[in-house]
Amino acid sequence: MAEITDEKENARVSSRVGDLSLQGCYLEMANPFPEGTPVLVEIYTDTEFLEAHATVAYREPNAGMGVKFEEIQPYFATVLNQWLLQAKKSERRKPD
């Protein structure tokens, strides 16, 4: 689950997260923001959350948008790294 805030308009929307990486992620939403929009991305799990300033890199109308992380505080970078390691471990456990 994610909350995305358009930093210029202060518009806030909820989204699902896909393709999370160190560089950014894909956010599923019906009305994605225009390319180049600065956003604040907050991603939540049951136990932790991550906050990052990002820029909309591309948009897919009625589907979602890809964002590029611009600034992540060291604590949140650690959280992101842990999530990615956990995802990698669970990928290895899946049978082919």
C-alpha atoms as a PDB file:
ATOM      1  CA  MET A   1       0.000   0.000   0.000  1.00  0.00           C
ATOM      2  CA  ALA A   2       1.251   3.465  -0.821  1.00  0.00           C
ATOM      3  CA  GLU A   3       0.200   7.070  -0.407  1.00  0.00           C
ATOM      4  CA  ILE A   4       1.437   9.531  -3.015  1.00  0.00           C
ATOM      5  CA  THR A   5       1.355  13.296  -2.549  1.00  0.00           C
ATOM      6  CA  ASP A   6       1.806  15.743  -5.415  1.00  0.00           C
ATOM      7  CA  GLU A   7       4.203  18.173  -3.743  1.00  0.00           C
ATOM      8  CA  LYS A   8       3.045  21.162  -5.846  1.00  0.00           C
ATOM      9  CA  GLU A   9      -0.720  20.668  -5.606  1.00  0.00           C
ATOM     10  CA  ASN A  10      -0.737  18.844  -2.244  1.00  0.00           C
ATOM     11  CA  ALA A  11      -3.064  16.245  -3.813  1.00  0.00           C
ATOM     12  CA  ARG A  12      -2.898  12.868  -2.043  1.00  0.00           C
ATOM     13  CA  VAL A  13      -3.935   9.496  -3.486  1.00  0.00           C
ATOM     14  CA  SER A  14      -3.604   5.837  -2.521  1.00  0.00           C
ATOM     15  CA  SER A  15      -1.989   3.226  -4.716  1.00  0.00           C
ATOM     16  CA  ARG A  16      -0.620  -0.296  -4.935  1.00  0.00           C
ATOM     17  CA  VAL A  17       3.129  -0.688  -5.434  1.00  0.00           C
ATOM     18  CA  GLY A  18       4.791  -2.820  -8.101  1.00  0.00           C
ATOM     19  CA  ASP A  19       8.336  -3.306  -9.359  1.00  0.00           C
ATOM     20  CA  LEU A  20      10.010  -1.819  -6.298  1.00  0.00           C
ATOM     21  CA  SER A  21      13.750  -1.192  -6.691  1.00  0.00           C
ATOM     22  CA  LEU A  22      16.504   1.000  -5.256  1.00  0.00           C
ATOM     23  CA  GLN A  23      15.815   3.516  -8.028  1.00  0.00           C
ATOM     24  CA  GLY A  24      12.025   3.759  -7.812  1.00  0.00           C
ATOM     25  CA  CYS A  25       8.783   1.861  -8.281  1.00  0.00           C
ATOM     26  CA  TYR A  26       5.582   1.535 -10.285  1.00  0.00           C
ATOM     27  CA  LEU A  27       2.392   2.860  -8.697  1.00  0.00           C
ATOM     28  CA  GLU A  28      -0.977   1.537  -9.874  1.00  0.00           C
ATOM     29  CA  MET A  29      -3.594   4.290 -10.085  1.00  0.00           C
ATOM     30  CA  ALA A  30      -6.434   5.361 -12.366  1.00  0.00           C
ATOM     31  CA  ASN A  31      -5.304   8.987 -12.701  1.00  0.00           C
ATOM     32  CA  PRO A  32      -1.492   9.127 -12.694  1.00  0.00           C
ATOM     33  CA  PHE A  33       0.232  12.476 -12.277  1.00  0.00           C
ATOM     34  CA  PRO A  34       1.963  14.109 -15.282  1.00  0.00           C
ATOM     35  CA  GLU A  35       5.570  13.242 -16.083  1.00  0.00           C
ATOM     36  CA  GLY A  36       8.029  15.400 -14.147  1.00  0.00           C
ATOM     37  CA  THR A  37       5.697  15.921 -11.178  1.00  0.00           C
ATOM     38  CA  PRO A  38       7.573  15.937  -7.847  1.00  0.00           C
ATOM     39  CA  VAL A  39       5.881  13.564  -5.412  1.00  0.00           C
ATOM     40  CA  LEU A  40       6.302  12.242  -1.904  1.00  0.00           C
ATOM     41  CA  VAL A  41       5.884   8.460  -1.850  1.00  0.00           C
ATOM     42  CA  GLU A  42       4.985   6.676   1.389  1.00  0.00           C
ATOM     43  CA  ILE A  43       4.952   2.868   1.209  1.00  0.00           C
ATOM     44  CA  TYR A  44       3.487   0.874   4.092  1.00  0.00           C
ATOM     45  CA  THR A  45       3.701  -2.720   5.268  1.00  0.00           C
ATOM     46  CA  ASP A  46       2.134  -4.128   8.427  1.00  0.00           C
ATOM     47  CA  THR A  47       5.224  -3.291  10.474  1.00  0.00           C
ATOM     48  CA  GLU A  48       7.250  -0.612   8.630  1.00  0.00           C
ATOM     49  CA  PHE A  49       7.042   2.252   6.196  1.00  0.00           C
ATOM     50  CA  LEU A  50       9.264   4.056   3.753  1.00  0.00           C
ATOM     51  CA  GLU A  51       9.158   7.692   2.704  1.00  0.00           C
ATOM     52  CA  ALA A  52      10.930   9.045  -0.388  1.00  0.00           C
ATOM     53  CA  HIS A  53      10.880  12.149  -2.529  1.00  0.00           C
ATOM     54  CA  ALA A  54      10.499  11.114  -6.157  1.00  0.00           C
ATOM     55  CA  THR A  55       9.702  12.378  -9.643  1.00  0.00           C
ATOM     56  CA  VAL A  56       7.174  10.876 -12.053  1.00  0.00           C
ATOM     57  CA  ALA A  57       9.327   9.305 -14.793  1.00  0.00           C
ATOM     58  CA  TYR A  58       6.475   8.055 -17.005  1.00  0.00           C
ATOM     59  CA  ARG A  59       2.732   7.555 -16.905  1.00  0.00           C
ATOM     60  CA  GLU A  60       0.275   5.068 -18.355  1.00  0.00           C
ATOM     61  CA  PRO A  61      -3.210   6.646 -18.532  1.00  0.00           C
ATOM     62  CA  ASN A  62      -5.820   4.754 -16.490  1.00  0.00           C
ATOM     63  CA  ALA A  63      -3.143   2.324 -15.221  1.00  0.00           C
ATOM     64  CA  GLY A  64      -0.364   3.969 -13.224  1.00  0.00           C
ATOM     65  CA  MET A  65       2.997   5.691 -13.235  1.00  0.00           C
ATOM     66  CA  GLY A  66       6.654   4.964 -12.707  1.00  0.00           C
ATOM     67  CA  VAL A  67       8.520   7.140 -10.228  1.00  0.00           C
ATOM     68  CA  LYS A  68      12.238   7.675  -9.765  1.00  0.00           C
ATOM     69  CA  PHE A  69      13.415   8.125  -6.200  1.00  0.00           C
ATOM     70  CA  GLU A  70      15.319  11.395  -5.785  1.00  0.00           C
ATOM     71  CA  GLU A  71      15.933  11.541  -2.059  1.00  0.00           C
ATOM     72  CA  ILE A  72      15.697   8.832   0.582  1.00  0.00           C
ATOM     73  CA  GLN A  73      16.825   9.401   4.163  1.00  0.00           C
ATOM     74  CA  PRO A  74      19.389   6.815   5.382  1.00  0.00           C
ATOM     75  CA  TYR A  75      16.886   5.100   7.710  1.00  0.00           C
ATOM     76  CA  PHE A  76      14.385   4.607   4.870  1.00  0.00           C
ATOM     77  CA  ALA A  77      17.169   3.435   2.534  1.00  0.00           C
ATOM     78  CA  THR A  78      17.894   0.693   5.091  1.00  0.00           C
ATOM     79  CA  VAL A  79      14.208  -0.279   5.173  1.00  0.00           C
ATOM     80  CA  LEU A  80      14.122  -0.396   1.353  1.00  0.00           C
ATOM     81  CA  ASN A  81      17.236  -2.588   1.227  1.00  0.00           C
ATOM     82  CA  GLN A  82      15.702  -4.989   3.770  1.00  0.00           C
ATOM     83  CA  TRP A  83      12.467  -5.256   1.745  1.00  0.00           C
ATOM     84  CA  LEU A  84      14.402  -5.967  -1.447  1.00  0.00           C
ATOM     85  CA  LEU A  85      16.515  -8.647   0.288  1.00  0.00           C
ATOM     86  CA  GLN A  86      13.379 -10.289   1.687  1.00  0.00           C
ATOM     87  CA  ALA A  87      11.756 -10.247  -1.759  1.00  0.00           C
ATOM     88  CA  LYS A  88      14.865 -11.823  -3.294  1.00  0.00           C
ATOM     89  CA  LYS A  89      14.895 -14.585  -0.657  1.00  0.00           C
ATOM     90  CA  SER A  90      11.216 -15.395  -1.178  1.00  0.00           C
ATOM     91  CA  GLU A  91      11.747 -15.481  -4.969  1.00  0.00           C
ATOM     92  CA  ARG A  92      14.440 -18.132  -4.495  1.00  0.00           C
ATOM     93  CA  ARG A  93      12.096 -20.275  -2.379  1.00  0.00           C
ATOM     94  CA  LYS A  94       9.383 -20.436  -5.058  1.00  0.00           C
ATOM     95  CA  PRO A  95       9.313 -23.704  -7.033  1.00  0.00           C
ATOM     96  CA  ASP A  96       9.647 -23.417 -10.811  1.00  0.00           C
END
